[in-house]
């Protein structure tokens, strides 16, 4: 059985560091060479701040590699809060030795993202996110929130994702959104991590079960 590699939160945009696109491309080429299937689990290109299509245009080799894998039936995508019109809301896999696996970005269970304030912020970002002032303010606010309550946010997100997994009878849920890779034996919550600061994380489903991998 071919492995499934799940990656999320690349946030590729015109202003991304050049190395980010190279890491994303290396991941896709490695998956092709390994015969793996790929699930891109939301926020691959940052449409929220860059605008629709601009991230793809800025990273044509990544865009082409994604399209080629998809054309071969070896790549699927779920939608995130930064690319909400891309892919499915969720995907479900039946994996030997693991059971029913839910794959979704997870922003819908984030209490901040789903709040009226969060929806207002998204609306403002979608209309004005390409301006330097709004984009800079949004990034500063996110950095401040992670510095002040990052651990609490990740724990709360995990708790809400676990409740969803248990309520709907899944054996494992693989999420993204919080940019923090997570995989522990016996834990029904897993997170594929992100592309950040010269490092690309992903979760692989293989014959021995799930495992976390890293590029860079």
N, C-alpha and C. Protein backbone atom coordinates (compact mmCIF):
# COMPACT_ATOMS: atom_id res chain seq x y z
N UNK A 1 0.84 -1.21 0.00
CA UNK A 1 0.00 0.00 0.00
C UNK A 1 0.87 1.25 0.00
N UNK A 2 0.57 2.19 -0.88
CA UNK A 2 1.32 3.44 -0.92
C UNK A 2 1.10 4.25 0.35
N UNK A 3 2.15 4.91 0.78
CA UNK A 3 2.02 5.77 1.95
C UNK A 3 1.20 7.02 1.59
N UNK A 4 0.65 7.66 2.61
CA UNK A 4 -0.02 8.95 2.46
C UNK A 4 0.75 9.97 3.29
N UNK A 5 1.19 11.03 2.64
CA UNK A 5 1.92 12.09 3.31
C UNK A 5 1.01 13.31 3.44
N UNK A 6 0.85 13.79 4.68
CA UNK A 6 -0.07 14.89 4.98
C UNK A 6 0.75 16.10 5.43
N UNK A 7 0.59 17.21 4.73
CA UNK A 7 1.31 18.44 5.07
C UNK A 7 0.33 19.60 5.08
N UNK A 8 0.64 20.61 5.87
CA UNK A 8 -0.27 21.76 5.98
C UNK A 8 0.50 23.03 6.29
N UNK A 9 -0.18 24.15 6.11
CA UNK A 9 0.29 25.45 6.59
C UNK A 9 1.64 25.85 6.00
N UNK A 10 1.71 25.83 4.65
CA UNK A 10 2.90 26.36 3.99
C UNK A 10 2.81 27.88 3.86
N UNK A 11 1.62 28.42 3.69
CA UNK A 11 1.40 29.87 3.60
C UNK A 11 2.30 30.53 2.55
N UNK A 12 2.43 29.89 1.41
CA UNK A 12 3.26 30.44 0.34
C UNK A 12 2.59 31.68 -0.26
N UNK A 13 3.37 32.72 -0.45
CA UNK A 13 2.87 34.00 -0.94
C UNK A 13 4.01 34.70 -1.67
N UNK A 14 3.72 35.80 -2.36
CA UNK A 14 4.80 36.51 -3.05
C UNK A 14 5.95 36.91 -2.14
N UNK A 15 5.68 37.18 -0.89
CA UNK A 15 6.74 37.62 0.02
C UNK A 15 7.39 36.54 0.83
N UNK A 16 7.11 35.27 0.53
CA UNK A 16 7.70 34.17 1.29
C UNK A 16 9.22 34.12 1.08
N UNK A 17 9.97 33.68 2.08
CA UNK A 17 11.41 33.46 1.87
C UNK A 17 11.64 32.49 0.72
N UNK A 18 12.64 32.71 -0.12
CA UNK A 18 12.87 31.84 -1.28
C UNK A 18 13.01 30.37 -0.90
N UNK A 19 13.59 30.10 0.25
CA UNK A 19 13.78 28.72 0.68
C UNK A 19 12.50 27.98 0.95
N UNK A 20 11.42 28.70 1.28
CA UNK A 20 10.15 28.03 1.56
C UNK A 20 9.62 27.31 0.33
N UNK A 21 9.65 27.99 -0.79
CA UNK A 21 9.20 27.36 -2.02
C UNK A 21 10.05 26.17 -2.40
N UNK A 22 11.36 26.26 -2.17
CA UNK A 22 12.26 25.15 -2.49
C UNK A 22 11.97 23.94 -1.61
N UNK A 23 11.69 24.17 -0.33
CA UNK A 23 11.34 23.07 0.57
C UNK A 23 10.03 22.41 0.16
N UNK A 24 9.03 23.22 -0.19
CA UNK A 24 7.75 22.68 -0.63
C UNK A 24 7.93 21.84 -1.89
N UNK A 25 8.73 22.34 -2.83
CA UNK A 25 8.97 21.60 -4.06
C UNK A 25 9.72 20.30 -3.78
N UNK A 26 10.71 20.34 -2.88
CA UNK A 26 11.46 19.14 -2.53
C UNK A 26 10.54 18.08 -1.91
N UNK A 27 9.61 18.52 -1.08
CA UNK A 27 8.65 17.60 -0.48
C UNK A 27 7.81 16.91 -1.56
N UNK A 28 7.29 17.69 -2.50
CA UNK A 28 6.44 17.13 -3.56
C UNK A 28 7.23 16.19 -4.46
N UNK A 29 8.47 16.55 -4.78
CA UNK A 29 9.28 15.69 -5.62
C UNK A 29 9.67 14.41 -4.88
N UNK A 30 9.92 14.53 -3.59
CA UNK A 30 10.24 13.34 -2.79
C UNK A 30 9.03 12.41 -2.71
N UNK A 31 7.84 12.97 -2.58
CA UNK A 31 6.62 12.16 -2.54
C UNK A 31 6.43 11.43 -3.87
N UNK A 32 6.65 12.13 -4.96
CA UNK A 32 6.52 11.49 -6.28
C UNK A 32 7.51 10.33 -6.42
N UNK A 33 8.76 10.57 -6.03
CA UNK A 33 9.77 9.53 -6.15
C UNK A 33 9.47 8.33 -5.27
N UNK A 34 8.87 8.57 -4.11
CA UNK A 34 8.55 7.49 -3.18
C UNK A 34 7.26 6.77 -3.53
N UNK A 35 6.51 7.29 -4.49
CA UNK A 35 5.22 6.70 -4.84
C UNK A 35 4.14 6.98 -3.82
N UNK A 36 4.34 8.02 -2.99
CA UNK A 36 3.37 8.34 -1.94
C UNK A 36 2.22 9.18 -2.49
N UNK A 37 1.08 9.04 -1.85
CA UNK A 37 -0.03 9.96 -2.10
C UNK A 37 0.10 11.13 -1.13
N UNK A 38 -0.39 12.30 -1.55
CA UNK A 38 -0.21 13.52 -0.77
C UNK A 38 -1.57 14.13 -0.45
N UNK A 39 -1.72 14.58 0.79
CA UNK A 39 -2.85 15.42 1.18
C UNK A 39 -2.28 16.74 1.69
N UNK A 40 -2.63 17.83 1.03
CA UNK A 40 -2.26 19.16 1.49
C UNK A 40 -3.43 19.68 2.32
N UNK A 41 -3.18 19.79 3.62
CA UNK A 41 -4.25 19.96 4.60
C UNK A 41 -4.48 21.42 4.99
N UNK A 42 -4.67 22.27 3.97
CA UNK A 42 -5.09 23.64 4.23
C UNK A 42 -3.96 24.64 4.37
N UNK A 43 -4.25 25.88 3.98
CA UNK A 43 -3.33 27.01 4.07
C UNK A 43 -2.02 26.75 3.33
N UNK A 44 -2.14 26.19 2.14
CA UNK A 44 -0.96 25.93 1.32
C UNK A 44 -0.45 27.23 0.72
N UNK A 45 -1.34 27.98 0.06
CA UNK A 45 -1.04 29.32 -0.42
C UNK A 45 -1.85 30.32 0.40
N UNK A 46 -1.25 31.45 0.70
CA UNK A 46 -1.92 32.41 1.58
C UNK A 46 -2.77 33.38 0.79
N UNK A 47 -4.01 32.97 0.53
CA UNK A 47 -4.94 33.85 -0.19
C UNK A 47 -5.48 34.96 0.70
N UNK A 48 -5.46 34.74 2.02
CA UNK A 48 -6.06 35.71 2.93
C UNK A 48 -5.37 37.07 2.82
N UNK A 49 -4.05 37.07 2.80
CA UNK A 49 -3.31 38.33 2.74
C UNK A 49 -2.81 38.66 1.34
N UNK A 50 -2.45 37.62 0.56
CA UNK A 50 -1.86 37.87 -0.75
C UNK A 50 -2.90 38.09 -1.83
N UNK A 51 -4.09 37.51 -1.66
CA UNK A 51 -5.10 37.54 -2.70
C UNK A 51 -5.09 36.24 -3.49
N UNK A 52 -6.23 35.91 -4.04
CA UNK A 52 -6.37 34.63 -4.71
C UNK A 52 -5.48 34.56 -5.96
N UNK A 53 -4.73 33.47 -6.06
CA UNK A 53 -3.91 33.21 -7.23
C UNK A 53 -2.52 33.81 -7.18
N UNK A 54 -2.26 34.76 -6.29
CA UNK A 54 -0.96 35.42 -6.29
C UNK A 54 0.14 34.53 -5.69
N UNK A 55 -0.22 33.70 -4.71
CA UNK A 55 0.76 32.78 -4.16
C UNK A 55 1.18 31.74 -5.18
N UNK A 56 0.19 31.21 -5.91
CA UNK A 56 0.50 30.23 -6.96
C UNK A 56 1.38 30.85 -8.04
N UNK A 57 1.07 32.09 -8.42
CA UNK A 57 1.85 32.76 -9.46
C UNK A 57 3.29 33.02 -9.01
N UNK A 58 3.47 33.25 -7.72
CA UNK A 58 4.80 33.53 -7.19
C UNK A 58 5.65 32.27 -7.03
N UNK A 59 5.00 31.10 -7.05
CA UNK A 59 5.70 29.83 -6.86
C UNK A 59 5.27 28.85 -7.95
N UNK A 60 5.61 29.16 -9.21
CA UNK A 60 5.09 28.36 -10.32
C UNK A 60 5.55 26.90 -10.31
N UNK A 61 6.75 26.62 -9.84
CA UNK A 61 7.22 25.24 -9.83
C UNK A 61 6.44 24.41 -8.80
N UNK A 62 6.13 25.01 -7.67
CA UNK A 62 5.31 24.31 -6.67
C UNK A 62 3.91 24.09 -7.22
N UNK A 63 3.35 25.11 -7.83
CA UNK A 63 2.02 25.02 -8.41
C UNK A 63 1.96 23.92 -9.47
N UNK A 64 2.98 23.85 -10.29
CA UNK A 64 3.03 22.83 -11.35
C UNK A 64 3.16 21.42 -10.75
N UNK A 65 3.99 21.27 -9.73
CA UNK A 65 4.16 19.96 -9.09
C UNK A 65 2.87 19.50 -8.43
N UNK A 66 2.14 20.42 -7.81
CA UNK A 66 0.84 20.08 -7.22
C UNK A 66 -0.13 19.62 -8.30
N UNK A 67 -0.19 20.37 -9.39
CA UNK A 67 -1.11 20.03 -10.47
C UNK A 67 -0.78 18.67 -11.09
N UNK A 68 0.51 18.37 -11.23
CA UNK A 68 0.90 17.10 -11.83
C UNK A 68 0.54 15.92 -10.94
N UNK A 69 0.76 16.04 -9.63
CA UNK A 69 0.39 14.97 -8.72
C UNK A 69 -1.13 14.80 -8.68
N UNK A 70 -1.85 15.92 -8.70
CA UNK A 70 -3.32 15.85 -8.71
C UNK A 70 -3.82 15.18 -9.98
N UNK A 71 -3.21 15.49 -11.12
CA UNK A 71 -3.62 14.89 -12.39
C UNK A 71 -3.38 13.39 -12.40
N UNK A 72 -2.37 12.93 -11.64
CA UNK A 72 -2.08 11.50 -11.54
C UNK A 72 -2.97 10.81 -10.49
N UNK A 73 -3.85 11.57 -9.85
CA UNK A 73 -4.71 10.99 -8.82
C UNK A 73 -3.98 10.72 -7.52
N UNK A 74 -2.88 11.42 -7.31
CA UNK A 74 -2.05 11.16 -6.12
C UNK A 74 -1.99 12.35 -5.17
N UNK A 75 -2.86 13.34 -5.36
CA UNK A 75 -2.85 14.49 -4.46
C UNK A 75 -4.28 14.99 -4.27
N UNK A 76 -4.61 15.26 -3.01
CA UNK A 76 -5.90 15.86 -2.66
C UNK A 76 -5.63 17.02 -1.71
N UNK A 77 -6.60 17.96 -1.64
CA UNK A 77 -6.43 19.11 -0.78
C UNK A 77 -7.67 19.34 0.08
N UNK A 78 -7.43 19.83 1.28
CA UNK A 78 -8.51 20.33 2.12
C UNK A 78 -8.35 21.84 2.23
N UNK A 79 -9.42 22.48 2.61
CA UNK A 79 -9.38 23.94 2.68
C UNK A 79 -9.04 24.41 4.09
N UNK A 80 -8.32 25.52 4.16
CA UNK A 80 -8.01 26.15 5.43
C UNK A 80 -8.64 27.52 5.52
N UNK A 81 -8.36 28.26 6.57
CA UNK A 81 -8.93 29.60 6.70
C UNK A 81 -8.19 30.61 5.82
N UNK A 82 -7.00 30.26 5.33
CA UNK A 82 -6.28 31.16 4.43
C UNK A 82 -6.47 30.80 2.96
N UNK A 83 -7.08 29.63 2.69
CA UNK A 83 -7.43 29.25 1.31
C UNK A 83 -8.79 28.54 1.31
N UNK A 84 -9.84 29.25 1.70
CA UNK A 84 -11.13 28.63 1.98
C UNK A 84 -11.88 28.09 0.77
N UNK A 85 -11.44 28.39 -0.42
CA UNK A 85 -12.15 27.91 -1.61
C UNK A 85 -11.38 26.79 -2.31
N UNK A 86 -10.43 26.20 -1.60
CA UNK A 86 -9.57 25.17 -2.19
C UNK A 86 -9.81 23.84 -1.50
N UNK A 87 -10.21 22.81 -2.25
CA UNK A 87 -10.29 21.48 -1.71
C UNK A 87 -11.54 21.19 -0.90
N UNK A 88 -11.51 20.04 -0.24
CA UNK A 88 -12.64 19.56 0.56
C UNK A 88 -12.57 20.11 1.97
N UNK A 89 -13.70 20.09 2.66
CA UNK A 89 -13.71 20.47 4.06
C UNK A 89 -12.95 19.46 4.90
N UNK A 90 -13.11 18.18 4.54
CA UNK A 90 -12.44 17.09 5.26
C UNK A 90 -12.29 15.89 4.34
N UNK A 91 -11.36 15.02 4.69
CA UNK A 91 -11.18 13.75 4.00
C UNK A 91 -11.15 12.65 5.04
N UNK A 92 -11.63 11.48 4.67
CA UNK A 92 -11.66 10.33 5.58
C UNK A 92 -10.93 9.17 4.93
N UNK A 93 -10.00 8.57 5.68
CA UNK A 93 -9.23 7.43 5.21
C UNK A 93 -9.48 6.24 6.13
N UNK A 94 -9.44 5.05 5.57
CA UNK A 94 -9.42 3.83 6.36
C UNK A 94 -8.02 3.25 6.24
N UNK A 95 -7.27 3.29 7.36
CA UNK A 95 -5.88 2.89 7.29
C UNK A 95 -5.61 1.64 8.12
N UNK A 96 -5.04 0.61 7.52
CA UNK A 96 -4.78 -0.64 8.24
C UNK A 96 -3.94 -0.41 9.50
N UNK A 97 -4.38 -0.98 10.60
CA UNK A 97 -3.67 -0.84 11.86
C UNK A 97 -3.98 0.43 12.61
N UNK A 98 -4.65 1.35 11.97
CA UNK A 98 -5.02 2.62 12.62
C UNK A 98 -6.53 2.75 12.74
N UNK A 99 -7.25 2.49 11.64
CA UNK A 99 -8.71 2.62 11.63
C UNK A 99 -9.15 3.80 10.79
N UNK A 100 -10.26 4.41 11.19
CA UNK A 100 -10.79 5.55 10.45
C UNK A 100 -10.03 6.81 10.83
N UNK A 101 -9.48 7.47 9.81
CA UNK A 101 -8.65 8.64 10.02
C UNK A 101 -9.34 9.86 9.40
N UNK A 102 -9.55 10.88 10.20
CA UNK A 102 -10.10 12.15 9.73
C UNK A 102 -8.95 13.10 9.43
N UNK A 103 -8.99 13.72 8.25
CA UNK A 103 -7.99 14.73 7.88
C UNK A 103 -8.73 16.03 7.59
N UNK A 104 -8.46 17.05 8.37
CA UNK A 104 -9.05 18.37 8.14
C UNK A 104 -8.16 19.43 8.76
N UNK A 105 -8.26 20.65 8.20
CA UNK A 105 -7.39 21.73 8.68
C UNK A 105 -7.67 22.05 10.14
N UNK A 106 -8.93 22.19 10.49
CA UNK A 106 -9.30 22.36 11.90
C UNK A 106 -9.67 23.76 12.32
N UNK A 107 -9.57 24.75 11.42
CA UNK A 107 -9.88 26.12 11.84
C UNK A 107 -11.32 26.28 12.29
N UNK A 108 -12.21 25.40 11.82
CA UNK A 108 -13.63 25.52 12.19
C UNK A 108 -13.87 25.23 13.67
N UNK A 109 -12.93 24.54 14.33
CA UNK A 109 -13.10 24.27 15.76
C UNK A 109 -12.25 25.21 16.62
N UNK A 110 -11.55 26.13 15.99
CA UNK A 110 -10.76 27.13 16.71
C UNK A 110 -11.73 28.19 17.25
N UNK A 111 -11.80 28.34 18.59
CA UNK A 111 -12.78 29.28 19.14
C UNK A 111 -12.55 30.72 18.72
N UNK A 112 -11.29 31.10 18.48
CA UNK A 112 -11.00 32.47 18.05
C UNK A 112 -11.42 32.65 16.60
N UNK A 113 -11.03 31.71 15.74
CA UNK A 113 -11.33 31.82 14.32
C UNK A 113 -12.83 31.82 14.04
N UNK A 114 -13.59 31.04 14.83
CA UNK A 114 -15.03 30.92 14.59
C UNK A 114 -15.85 31.96 15.33
N UNK A 115 -15.21 32.82 16.13
CA UNK A 115 -15.93 33.84 16.88
C UNK A 115 -16.33 35.00 15.97
N UNK A 116 -17.29 35.83 16.38
CA UNK A 116 -17.63 37.02 15.59
C UNK A 116 -16.43 37.93 15.34
N UNK A 117 -15.55 38.06 16.34
CA UNK A 117 -14.36 38.90 16.17
C UNK A 117 -13.42 38.28 15.14
N UNK A 118 -13.27 36.97 15.21
CA UNK A 118 -12.41 36.29 14.24
C UNK A 118 -12.94 36.42 12.82
N UNK A 119 -14.26 36.28 12.67
CA UNK A 119 -14.85 36.40 11.34
C UNK A 119 -14.72 37.82 10.81
N UNK A 120 -14.84 38.81 11.71
CA UNK A 120 -14.65 40.20 11.30
C UNK A 120 -13.21 40.43 10.86
N UNK A 121 -12.26 39.88 11.61
CA UNK A 121 -10.86 40.02 11.23
C UNK A 121 -10.56 39.40 9.88
N UNK A 122 -11.15 38.23 9.62
CA UNK A 122 -10.96 37.58 8.32
C UNK A 122 -11.53 38.45 7.20
N UNK A 123 -12.70 39.04 7.47
CA UNK A 123 -13.34 39.87 6.45
C UNK A 123 -12.47 41.08 6.11
N UNK A 124 -11.92 41.71 7.14
CA UNK A 124 -11.04 42.86 6.92
C UNK A 124 -9.79 42.44 6.16
N UNK A 125 -9.23 41.29 6.55
CA UNK A 125 -8.01 40.81 5.90
C UNK A 125 -8.25 40.50 4.44
N UNK A 126 -9.42 39.92 4.12
CA UNK A 126 -9.69 39.56 2.73
C UNK A 126 -9.89 40.81 1.86
N UNK A 127 -10.39 41.86 2.45
CA UNK A 127 -10.60 43.08 1.66
C UNK A 127 -9.35 43.93 1.57
N UNK A 128 -8.57 43.98 2.68
CA UNK A 128 -7.46 44.94 2.72
C UNK A 128 -6.12 44.28 3.05
N UNK A 129 -6.09 42.94 3.06
CA UNK A 129 -4.89 42.23 3.52
C UNK A 129 -3.66 42.45 2.68
N UNK A 130 -3.84 42.90 1.42
CA UNK A 130 -2.66 43.11 0.59
C UNK A 130 -1.97 44.43 0.90
N UNK A 131 -2.61 45.28 1.71
CA UNK A 131 -1.95 46.53 2.08
C UNK A 131 -0.94 46.26 3.19
N UNK A 132 0.16 46.96 3.16
CA UNK A 132 1.25 46.72 4.10
C UNK A 132 0.79 46.92 5.55
N UNK A 133 -0.02 47.95 5.79
CA UNK A 133 -0.43 48.27 7.16
C UNK A 133 -1.27 47.15 7.75
N UNK A 134 -2.29 46.69 7.02
CA UNK A 134 -3.15 45.64 7.54
C UNK A 134 -2.39 44.33 7.69
N UNK A 135 -1.60 43.99 6.69
CA UNK A 135 -0.85 42.74 6.74
C UNK A 135 0.14 42.75 7.91
N UNK A 136 0.83 43.86 8.08
CA UNK A 136 1.78 43.96 9.18
C UNK A 136 1.11 43.91 10.53
N UNK A 137 -0.04 44.59 10.66
CA UNK A 137 -0.77 44.57 11.93
C UNK A 137 -1.26 43.17 12.25
N UNK A 138 -1.74 42.45 11.24
CA UNK A 138 -2.24 41.09 11.46
C UNK A 138 -1.12 40.16 11.90
N UNK A 139 0.01 40.26 11.24
CA UNK A 139 1.15 39.41 11.61
C UNK A 139 1.63 39.75 13.02
N UNK A 140 1.66 41.02 13.37
CA UNK A 140 2.10 41.43 14.71
C UNK A 140 1.14 40.91 15.77
N UNK A 141 -0.17 41.00 15.48
CA UNK A 141 -1.17 40.52 16.44
C UNK A 141 -1.06 39.02 16.64
N UNK A 142 -0.83 38.29 15.55
CA UNK A 142 -0.69 36.83 15.66
C UNK A 142 0.54 36.46 16.46
N UNK A 143 1.65 37.15 16.20
CA UNK A 143 2.89 36.88 16.93
C UNK A 143 2.73 37.17 18.41
N UNK A 144 2.03 38.27 18.73
CA UNK A 144 1.82 38.62 20.12
C UNK A 144 0.93 37.59 20.82
N UNK A 145 -0.12 37.15 20.13
CA UNK A 145 -1.02 36.15 20.70
C UNK A 145 -0.30 34.84 20.97
N UNK A 146 0.56 34.43 20.02
CA UNK A 146 1.30 33.18 20.22
C UNK A 146 2.31 33.32 21.36
N UNK A 147 2.92 34.48 21.49
CA UNK A 147 3.88 34.68 22.57
C UNK A 147 3.21 34.68 23.94
N UNK A 148 2.03 35.27 24.01
CA UNK A 148 1.33 35.39 25.29
C UNK A 148 0.57 34.13 25.68
N UNK A 149 -0.01 33.46 24.68
CA UNK A 149 -0.91 32.34 25.02
C UNK A 149 -0.76 31.18 24.04
N UNK A 150 0.42 31.05 23.44
CA UNK A 150 0.59 30.02 22.43
C UNK A 150 0.31 28.63 22.94
N UNK A 151 0.89 28.29 24.11
CA UNK A 151 0.67 26.97 24.67
C UNK A 151 -0.78 26.70 24.99
N UNK A 152 -1.45 27.69 25.55
CA UNK A 152 -2.88 27.53 25.87
C UNK A 152 -3.70 27.36 24.60
N UNK A 153 -3.37 28.12 23.57
CA UNK A 153 -4.11 28.02 22.30
C UNK A 153 -3.98 26.63 21.70
N UNK A 154 -2.75 26.07 21.72
CA UNK A 154 -2.53 24.75 21.15
C UNK A 154 -3.25 23.69 21.97
N UNK A 155 -3.21 23.79 23.29
CA UNK A 155 -3.91 22.82 24.14
C UNK A 155 -5.41 22.89 23.94
N UNK A 156 -5.95 24.09 23.84
CA UNK A 156 -7.39 24.24 23.63
C UNK A 156 -7.80 23.69 22.27
N UNK A 157 -6.98 23.95 21.26
CA UNK A 157 -7.26 23.43 19.93
C UNK A 157 -7.27 21.91 19.95
N UNK A 158 -6.27 21.31 20.58
CA UNK A 158 -6.20 19.84 20.67
C UNK A 158 -7.43 19.29 21.37
N UNK A 159 -7.84 19.90 22.46
CA UNK A 159 -9.01 19.45 23.21
C UNK A 159 -10.26 19.47 22.33
N UNK A 160 -10.45 20.53 21.57
CA UNK A 160 -11.63 20.65 20.71
C UNK A 160 -11.57 19.66 19.55
N UNK A 161 -10.39 19.46 19.00
CA UNK A 161 -10.25 18.48 17.91
C UNK A 161 -10.52 17.07 18.42
N UNK A 162 -10.00 16.75 19.60
CA UNK A 162 -10.25 15.43 20.19
C UNK A 162 -11.73 15.19 20.42
N UNK A 163 -12.43 16.22 20.87
CA UNK A 163 -13.88 16.08 21.09
C UNK A 163 -14.58 15.75 19.78
N UNK A 164 -14.16 16.38 18.70
CA UNK A 164 -14.74 16.10 17.39
C UNK A 164 -14.42 14.67 16.94
N UNK A 165 -13.18 14.25 17.10
CA UNK A 165 -12.77 12.90 16.73
C UNK A 165 -13.57 11.85 17.49
N UNK A 166 -13.71 12.05 18.78
CA UNK A 166 -14.43 11.08 19.62
C UNK A 166 -15.92 11.10 19.32
N UNK A 167 -16.48 12.28 19.14
CA UNK A 167 -17.92 12.40 18.88
C UNK A 167 -18.31 11.71 17.57
N UNK A 168 -17.45 11.79 16.57
CA UNK A 168 -17.78 11.24 15.26
C UNK A 168 -17.19 9.85 15.03
N UNK A 169 -16.56 9.29 16.06
CA UNK A 169 -16.13 7.91 15.99
C UNK A 169 -14.90 7.64 15.15
N UNK A 170 -13.98 8.60 15.07
CA UNK A 170 -12.74 8.37 14.34
C UNK A 170 -11.70 7.79 15.30
N UNK A 171 -10.76 7.06 14.73
CA UNK A 171 -9.67 6.50 15.52
C UNK A 171 -8.49 7.45 15.62
N UNK A 172 -8.38 8.35 14.63
CA UNK A 172 -7.30 9.33 14.63
C UNK A 172 -7.76 10.54 13.83
N UNK A 173 -7.40 11.72 14.30
CA UNK A 173 -7.64 12.95 13.55
C UNK A 173 -6.31 13.63 13.27
N UNK A 174 -6.08 13.99 12.00
CA UNK A 174 -4.86 14.70 11.61
C UNK A 174 -5.25 16.12 11.22
N UNK A 175 -4.72 17.09 11.94
CA UNK A 175 -5.11 18.48 11.76
C UNK A 175 -3.90 19.33 11.39
N UNK A 176 -4.14 20.62 11.18
CA UNK A 176 -3.10 21.60 10.92
C UNK A 176 -3.40 22.83 11.77
N UNK A 177 -3.34 24.00 11.16
CA UNK A 177 -3.84 25.27 11.68
C UNK A 177 -2.97 25.92 12.75
N UNK A 178 -2.51 25.16 13.75
CA UNK A 178 -1.77 25.78 14.85
C UNK A 178 -0.26 25.73 14.65
N UNK A 179 0.20 25.16 13.53
CA UNK A 179 1.62 25.17 13.16
C UNK A 179 2.50 24.42 14.15
N UNK A 180 1.94 23.50 14.91
CA UNK A 180 2.69 22.76 15.92
C UNK A 180 2.52 21.27 15.68
N UNK A 181 3.58 20.61 15.22
CA UNK A 181 3.51 19.18 14.96
C UNK A 181 3.27 18.41 16.26
N UNK A 182 2.46 17.34 16.16
CA UNK A 182 2.13 16.57 17.35
C UNK A 182 1.80 15.14 16.96
N UNK A 183 2.44 14.18 17.61
CA UNK A 183 2.11 12.77 17.44
C UNK A 183 2.64 12.01 18.65
N UNK A 184 1.73 11.41 19.40
CA UNK A 184 2.11 10.62 20.57
C UNK A 184 1.40 9.28 20.53
N UNK A 185 2.05 8.20 20.96
CA UNK A 185 1.39 6.89 20.96
C UNK A 185 0.09 6.90 21.76
N UNK A 186 -0.96 6.37 21.16
CA UNK A 186 -2.24 6.29 21.83
C UNK A 186 -3.09 7.54 21.79
N UNK A 187 -2.52 8.65 21.31
CA UNK A 187 -3.26 9.91 21.23
C UNK A 187 -4.04 9.94 19.91
N UNK A 188 -5.32 10.24 19.98
CA UNK A 188 -6.15 10.26 18.78
C UNK A 188 -6.09 11.60 18.06
N UNK A 189 -5.35 12.54 18.58
CA UNK A 189 -5.10 13.83 17.92
C UNK A 189 -3.67 13.86 17.40
N UNK A 190 -3.51 14.22 16.14
CA UNK A 190 -2.19 14.43 15.56
C UNK A 190 -2.20 15.72 14.76
N UNK A 191 -1.04 16.33 14.61
CA UNK A 191 -0.94 17.56 13.83
C UNK A 191 0.26 17.45 12.92
N UNK A 192 0.06 17.80 11.65
CA UNK A 192 1.10 17.64 10.63
C UNK A 192 2.17 18.73 10.67
N UNK A 193 2.00 19.76 11.50
CA UNK A 193 3.00 20.81 11.59
C UNK A 193 2.87 21.83 10.46
N UNK A 194 3.99 22.40 10.04
CA UNK A 194 3.93 23.53 9.10
C UNK A 194 5.25 23.68 8.37
N UNK A 195 5.29 24.66 7.49
CA UNK A 195 6.52 25.12 6.83
C UNK A 195 6.88 26.46 7.45
N UNK A 196 8.02 26.50 8.15
CA UNK A 196 8.35 27.72 8.89
C UNK A 196 9.83 27.74 9.21
N UNK A 197 10.47 28.87 8.96
CA UNK A 197 11.87 29.10 9.33
C UNK A 197 12.80 27.99 8.82
N UNK A 198 12.64 27.67 7.55
CA UNK A 198 13.54 26.72 6.94
C UNK A 198 13.31 25.28 7.31
N UNK A 199 12.10 24.95 7.77
CA UNK A 199 11.80 23.58 8.16
C UNK A 199 10.38 23.25 7.70
N UNK A 200 10.24 22.11 7.03
CA UNK A 200 8.93 21.63 6.59
C UNK A 200 8.63 20.32 7.30
N UNK A 201 7.54 20.29 8.06
CA UNK A 201 7.12 19.09 8.78
C UNK A 201 5.93 18.47 8.06
N UNK A 202 5.81 17.17 8.18
CA UNK A 202 4.61 16.50 7.69
C UNK A 202 4.40 15.19 8.43
N UNK A 203 3.18 14.66 8.31
CA UNK A 203 2.83 13.38 8.93
C UNK A 203 2.65 12.35 7.83
N UNK A 204 3.31 11.20 7.98
CA UNK A 204 3.21 10.11 7.01
C UNK A 204 2.42 8.95 7.60
N UNK A 205 1.48 8.44 6.84
CA UNK A 205 0.80 7.19 7.19
C UNK A 205 1.45 6.08 6.39
N UNK A 206 2.07 5.14 7.09
CA UNK A 206 2.74 4.04 6.43
C UNK A 206 2.32 2.70 7.00
N UNK A 207 3.06 1.67 6.61
CA UNK A 207 2.71 0.33 7.06
C UNK A 207 2.81 0.18 8.58
N UNK A 208 3.68 0.95 9.18
CA UNK A 208 3.85 0.88 10.64
C UNK A 208 2.99 1.88 11.40
N UNK A 209 2.07 2.53 10.71
CA UNK A 209 1.23 3.54 11.35
C UNK A 209 1.72 4.94 11.05
N UNK A 210 1.25 5.93 11.79
CA UNK A 210 1.66 7.31 11.53
C UNK A 210 3.03 7.64 12.10
N UNK A 211 3.73 8.55 11.43
CA UNK A 211 5.00 9.04 11.94
C UNK A 211 5.20 10.47 11.46
N UNK A 212 5.96 11.24 12.19
CA UNK A 212 6.26 12.61 11.80
C UNK A 212 7.60 12.64 11.07
N UNK A 213 7.65 13.45 10.01
CA UNK A 213 8.87 13.62 9.23
C UNK A 213 9.19 15.10 9.13
N UNK A 214 10.43 15.38 8.73
CA UNK A 214 10.87 16.78 8.64
C UNK A 214 11.84 16.93 7.47
N UNK A 215 11.70 18.04 6.78
CA UNK A 215 12.62 18.40 5.69
C UNK A 215 13.25 19.74 6.05
N UNK A 216 14.57 19.82 5.95
CA UNK A 216 15.24 21.07 6.24
C UNK A 216 15.74 21.19 7.66
